[in-house]
Amino acid sequence: MKRRAFITLLGGAAAWPLAARAQQRERMRREAQQVSDPRIADLVQAGKIRVGMHSVMYTKDPQTGALKAASTGIILLDVARTLAARMGVEVLPVGHPTIPEMLTCLTAGACDVGFMGPDPSRAGVDFSPPILQLDYTFLVPAGSSIQRIADADRPGVRIAVVRDHASTLTLSRIFKYAELIYAATPDPTFELLRTGQADAFASVRPVLLAYSAKLPGSRVLEEHYGANLIGMAVPKGQTERLAYISEFIEQAKASGLVQQAIERAGLPGHRVAATKTN
């Protein structure tokens, strides 16, 4: 599909109801299958792309076990479905409770791509350009004296963090005095704050805004100490797949597709990552 035609196609997506978008994606799949890109021949042959998601990006039906996108995952899976339609394949979301488990899925070849932010500590994968920007900040309880990021980096301040999350890795490099208290996933991390075992909860703004609604009087700081630039990761060495996906992401940002996905989700705290300039 030619670049101009693809961008035009994406640009009108927001105005269509769900059924029309589904029909358009099906048409894109049929067209893609007729002219397949050799860079993704293995995925086309498999007929699917296995997309890794982690922690708050999804939930599971307790009875059926079916995976459903949640929070930031709603936006990312919307974008992934358009990518799959362009390839002419189906999307198969694969959920993992933690980022290390999703990394293992990628390096073991059980996931084709995964959504996460780049970090030097994450070995075995290569990263696409970012799709979304999510600022790192703090959630603090009612009556907290923490008004700015710098207020939290003091001896005796306890900050609840999710182990191995990009927001935690960044914070551990820049804070010198506060104590970081780790939990495996966001829910128990929030419980550390709610039960008074921590003075602040560090994460991305959209996650903290959602938890703030569960803690009366709490607030999310306006300042931020960095940002999670979420893109797609592929197993290291998949250079042609990465090139194809990177090209798609830049087109999707430039065309307005990512912004439309954010607006459809109606979730505060998300921004389109900057488009690469030549």
Protein backbone atom coordinates (compact mmCIF):
# COMPACT_ATOMS: atom_id res chain seq x y z
CA MET A 1 0.00 0.00 0.00
CA LYS A 2 1.45 3.38 -0.94
CA ARG A 3 2.45 5.71 1.88
CA ARG A 4 0.07 8.55 0.89
CA ALA A 5 -2.89 6.23 0.55
CA PHE A 6 -2.13 4.61 3.90
CA ILE A 7 -1.92 7.93 5.73
CA THR A 8 -5.17 9.13 4.16
CA LEU A 9 -6.80 5.88 5.21
CA LEU A 10 -5.68 6.32 8.81
CA GLY A 11 -6.63 9.96 8.96
CA GLY A 12 -10.34 9.35 8.61
CA ALA A 13 -10.58 6.55 11.15
CA ALA A 14 -11.90 8.57 14.07
CA ALA A 15 -15.12 9.56 12.30
CA TRP A 16 -16.25 6.02 11.67
CA PRO A 17 -18.29 3.91 14.06
CA LEU A 18 -16.78 0.68 15.33
CA ALA A 19 -18.46 -1.47 12.70
CA ALA A 20 -17.14 0.69 9.87
CA ARG A 21 -13.60 0.59 11.29
CA ALA A 22 -13.82 -3.20 11.56
CA GLN A 23 -14.92 -3.42 7.92
CA GLN A 24 -12.07 -1.12 6.89
CA ARG A 25 -9.53 -3.23 8.76
CA GLU A 26 -10.84 -6.37 7.08
CA ARG A 27 -10.49 -4.69 3.70
CA MET A 28 -6.94 -3.67 4.60
CA ARG A 29 -6.16 -7.29 5.54
CA ARG A 30 -7.39 -8.59 2.19
CA GLU A 31 -5.38 -5.96 0.30
CA ALA A 32 -2.26 -6.67 2.39
CA GLN A 33 -2.48 -10.38 1.71
CA GLN A 34 -2.39 -9.68 -2.03
CA VAL A 35 0.84 -7.63 -1.79
CA SER A 36 2.85 -8.89 1.19
CA ASP A 37 5.98 -7.10 2.42
CA PRO A 38 8.92 -9.55 2.59
CA ARG A 39 10.08 -7.97 5.87
CA ILE A 40 7.12 -9.54 7.67
CA ALA A 41 6.72 -12.70 5.55
CA ASP A 42 6.95 -14.95 8.63
CA LEU A 43 4.08 -13.15 10.37
CA VAL A 44 1.94 -13.19 7.23
CA GLN A 45 2.56 -16.90 6.84
CA ALA A 46 1.56 -17.48 10.48
CA GLY A 47 -1.57 -15.39 9.94
CA LYS A 48 -1.23 -13.63 13.30
CA ILE A 49 0.91 -11.29 15.34
CA ARG A 50 1.30 -12.17 19.03
CA VAL A 51 1.34 -8.90 20.96
CA GLY A 52 2.76 -8.92 24.49
CA MET A 53 1.03 -6.75 27.12
CA HIS A 54 1.85 -6.39 30.81
CA SER A 55 0.35 -5.45 34.20
CA VAL A 56 -2.20 -2.62 33.96
CA MET A 57 -2.45 -2.88 30.16
CA TYR A 58 -4.96 -5.73 30.42
CA THR A 59 -7.41 -7.62 32.61
CA LYS A 60 -8.62 -11.21 32.46
CA ASP A 61 -12.17 -12.48 32.72
CA PRO A 62 -12.14 -14.53 35.96
CA GLN A 63 -14.39 -17.21 34.46
CA THR A 64 -13.27 -17.50 30.83
CA GLY A 65 -9.70 -16.23 31.16
CA ALA A 66 -10.23 -14.05 28.10
CA LEU A 67 -7.84 -11.09 27.91
CA LYS A 68 -9.28 -7.59 27.65
CA ALA A 69 -7.29 -4.42 27.13
CA ALA A 70 -7.35 -1.90 29.99
CA SER A 71 -5.89 1.53 30.70
CA THR A 72 -3.02 2.36 28.31
CA GLY A 73 -3.48 -1.06 26.72
CA ILE A 74 -6.79 0.09 25.17
CA ILE A 75 -4.94 2.69 23.12
CA LEU A 76 -2.02 0.43 22.24
CA LEU A 77 -4.19 -2.50 21.19
CA ASP A 78 -6.24 -0.16 19.00
CA VAL A 79 -3.01 0.82 17.22
CA ALA A 80 -1.89 -2.83 17.05
CA ARG A 81 -5.13 -3.84 15.33
CA THR A 82 -4.48 -1.31 12.58
CA LEU A 83 -0.90 -2.58 12.24
CA ALA A 84 -2.22 -6.14 11.93
CA ALA A 85 -4.76 -5.06 9.33
CA ARG A 86 -1.99 -3.47 7.29
CA MET A 87 -0.04 -6.74 7.50
CA GLY A 88 -3.08 -8.83 6.64
CA VAL A 89 -3.00 -10.84 9.88
CA GLU A 90 -4.97 -11.19 13.11
CA VAL A 91 -3.95 -9.78 16.51
CA LEU A 92 -3.40 -12.22 19.38
CA PRO A 93 -2.86 -10.33 22.67
CA VAL A 94 -0.64 -12.19 25.16
CA GLY A 95 -0.83 -10.97 28.76
CA HIS A 96 1.91 -11.16 31.41
CA PRO A 97 1.66 -9.81 34.97
CA THR A 98 5.16 -8.27 34.92
CA ILE A 99 7.59 -6.74 32.43
CA PRO A 100 10.32 -9.37 33.05
CA GLU A 101 7.82 -12.10 32.15
CA MET A 102 6.90 -10.29 28.96
CA LEU A 103 10.58 -9.87 28.11
CA THR A 104 10.99 -13.63 28.50
CA CYS A 105 8.03 -14.13 26.15
CA LEU A 106 9.82 -12.03 23.52
CA THR A 107 13.28 -13.53 23.91
CA ALA A 108 11.85 -17.06 23.91
CA GLY A 109 9.96 -16.40 20.68
CA ALA A 110 6.51 -16.81 22.23
CA CYS A 111 5.63 -13.15 21.50
CA ASP A 112 6.30 -11.39 18.20
CA VAL A 113 6.18 -7.86 19.62
CA GLY A 114 5.56 -6.33 23.03
CA PHE A 115 4.59 -2.91 24.33
CA MET A 116 7.08 -1.28 26.70
CA GLY A 117 9.39 1.68 27.14
CA PRO A 118 13.06 1.41 26.19
CA ASP A 119 15.63 1.01 28.93
CA PRO A 120 19.31 -0.03 28.69
CA SER A 121 18.72 -2.75 31.30
CA ARG A 122 16.23 -4.59 29.08
CA ALA A 123 18.44 -6.98 27.17
CA GLY A 124 17.49 -9.30 24.34
CA VAL A 125 15.15 -6.91 22.55
CA ASP A 126 15.29 -3.91 20.22
CA PHE A 127 12.90 -0.97 20.37
CA SER A 128 10.78 0.89 17.84
CA PRO A 129 10.20 4.63 17.94
CA PRO A 130 7.79 5.55 20.76
CA ILE A 131 4.02 5.63 20.27
CA LEU A 132 2.89 7.26 23.52
CA GLN A 133 4.44 9.54 26.12
CA LEU A 134 3.40 8.97 29.74
CA ASP A 135 4.96 11.26 32.33
CA TYR A 136 6.50 9.84 35.53
CA THR A 137 5.22 11.47 38.70
CA PHE A 138 3.93 10.78 42.22
CA LEU A 139 0.59 10.06 43.87
CA VAL A 140 0.53 11.35 47.47
CA PRO A 141 -2.15 10.94 50.16
CA ALA A 142 -4.27 13.67 51.73
CA GLY A 143 -2.28 16.05 53.90
CA SER A 144 1.09 15.13 52.35
CA SER A 145 3.82 17.76 52.54
CA ILE A 146 5.18 16.62 49.17
CA GLN A 147 4.31 19.36 46.69
CA ARG A 148 7.13 18.94 44.16
CA ILE A 149 9.30 16.06 42.97
CA ALA A 150 12.31 17.36 44.90
CA ASP A 151 10.33 17.28 48.17
CA ALA A 152 10.24 13.48 48.02
CA ASP A 153 14.00 12.93 47.84
CA ARG A 154 14.68 13.24 51.56
CA PRO A 155 15.88 10.79 54.21
CA GLY A 156 12.95 8.97 55.78
CA VAL A 157 10.62 9.37 52.76
CA ARG A 158 9.33 6.03 51.51
CA ILE A 159 8.29 5.72 47.88
CA ALA A 160 6.27 2.74 46.64
CA VAL A 161 7.41 1.55 43.22
CA VAL A 162 6.74 -1.31 40.81
CA ARG A 163 9.79 -3.52 40.46
CA ASP A 164 11.49 -3.26 37.03
CA HIS A 165 9.03 -0.66 35.71
CA ALA A 166 10.66 2.06 33.59
CA SER A 167 9.47 4.73 36.04
CA THR A 168 11.25 2.86 38.85
CA LEU A 169 14.48 2.41 36.90
CA THR A 170 14.56 6.14 36.15
CA LEU A 171 13.79 7.11 39.74
CA SER A 172 16.50 4.82 41.13
CA ARG A 173 19.07 6.65 39.01
CA ILE A 174 18.12 10.19 40.04
CA PHE A 175 17.00 9.92 43.70
CA LYS A 176 19.71 9.76 46.36
CA TYR A 177 18.01 9.88 49.78
CA ALA A 178 14.44 8.50 49.66
CA GLU A 179 13.81 4.79 50.30
CA LEU A 180 12.23 2.84 47.44
CA ILE A 181 9.80 0.12 48.56
CA TYR A 182 9.16 -2.47 45.87
CA ALA A 183 6.11 -4.49 44.87
CA ALA A 184 5.66 -6.77 41.87
CA THR A 185 2.64 -5.12 40.23
CA PRO A 186 0.70 -1.83 40.56
CA ASP A 187 -2.11 -3.07 42.84
CA PRO A 188 0.12 -4.12 45.78
CA THR A 189 2.24 -1.01 45.18
CA PHE A 190 -0.86 1.15 45.65
CA GLU A 191 -1.69 -0.82 48.81
CA LEU A 192 1.66 0.25 50.29
CA LEU A 193 0.53 3.86 49.93
CA ARG A 194 -3.07 3.27 51.00
CA THR A 195 -2.07 1.47 54.20
CA GLY A 196 0.54 4.06 55.18
CA GLN A 197 3.58 1.91 54.48
CA ALA A 198 4.75 4.46 51.89
CA ASP A 199 4.60 8.25 51.59
CA ALA A 200 4.23 8.37 47.80
CA PHE A 201 3.55 6.07 44.86
CA ALA A 202 5.71 6.58 41.75
CA SER A 203 4.44 5.54 38.34
CA VAL A 204 3.07 6.97 35.08
CA ARG A 205 0.44 9.69 35.27
CA PRO A 206 -2.50 7.71 33.77
CA VAL A 207 -2.05 4.89 36.29
CA LEU A 208 -1.77 7.29 39.22
CA LEU A 209 -4.86 9.25 38.15
CA ALA A 210 -6.86 6.01 38.18
CA TYR A 211 -5.62 5.03 41.65
CA SER A 212 -6.19 8.54 42.98
CA ALA A 213 -9.92 8.01 42.55
CA LYS A 214 -9.66 5.15 45.06
CA LEU A 215 -7.93 7.22 47.76
CA PRO A 216 -10.02 10.20 48.94
CA GLY A 217 -8.07 13.44 49.24
CA SER A 218 -5.04 12.13 47.37
CA ARG A 219 -3.48 14.05 44.50
CA VAL A 220 -1.13 13.51 41.58
CA LEU A 221 1.74 15.98 41.33
CA GLU A 222 1.80 18.34 38.35
CA GLU A 223 5.57 18.00 38.00
CA HIS A 224 7.21 14.97 36.45
CA TYR A 225 10.68 13.41 36.68
CA GLY A 226 10.82 11.83 33.23
CA ALA A 227 8.54 10.02 30.84
CA ASN A 228 7.81 6.53 29.62
CA LEU A 229 8.05 6.58 25.84
CA ILE A 230 6.10 3.42 25.08
CA GLY A 231 6.74 1.74 21.77
CA MET A 232 7.08 -1.80 20.51
CA ALA A 233 9.91 -4.17 21.36
CA VAL A 234 10.92 -7.07 19.11
CA PRO A 235 13.38 -9.90 19.76
CA LYS A 236 16.94 -8.76 19.12
CA GLY A 237 18.07 -9.50 15.57
CA GLN A 238 14.63 -9.02 13.98
CA THR A 239 15.88 -5.98 12.05
CA GLU A 240 13.50 -6.25 9.10
CA ARG A 241 10.45 -6.68 11.34
CA LEU A 242 11.58 -3.72 13.42
CA ALA A 243 12.04 -1.55 10.31
CA TYR A 244 8.51 -2.36 9.11
CA ILE A 245 6.96 -1.64 12.51
CA SER A 246 8.98 1.56 12.96
CA GLU A 247 7.80 2.83 9.58
CA PHE A 248 4.19 2.09 10.53
CA ILE A 249 4.48 3.87 13.89
CA GLU A 250 5.88 7.07 12.38
CA GLN A 251 3.10 7.07 9.77
CA ALA A 252 0.48 6.41 12.44
CA LYS A 253 1.66 9.36 14.54
CA ALA A 254 1.92 11.72 11.58
CA SER A 255 -1.50 10.76 10.23
CA GLY A 256 -3.32 11.33 13.50
CA LEU A 257 -4.14 7.66 14.08
CA VAL A 258 -2.52 7.56 17.53
CA GLN A 259 -4.23 10.77 18.64
CA GLN A 260 -7.56 9.36 17.46
CA ALA A 261 -6.94 6.18 19.47
CA ILE A 262 -6.27 8.31 22.58
CA GLU A 263 -9.49 10.26 22.03
CA ARG A 264 -11.54 7.11 21.49
CA ALA A 265 -10.22 5.64 24.75
CA GLY A 266 -11.05 8.82 26.66
CA LEU A 267 -8.19 8.26 29.11
CA PRO A 268 -6.41 11.31 30.64
CA GLY A 269 -2.63 11.50 30.99
CA HIS A 270 -1.69 10.13 27.55
CA ARG A 271 0.14 12.07 24.84
CA VAL A 272 1.32 11.17 21.36
CA ALA A 273 5.10 10.74 21.36
CA ALA A 274 7.03 13.14 19.14
CA THR A 275 7.31 12.16 15.49
CA LYS A 276 10.81 11.57 14.18
CA THR A 277 12.13 14.45 12.08
CA ASN A 278 14.54 13.84 9.24
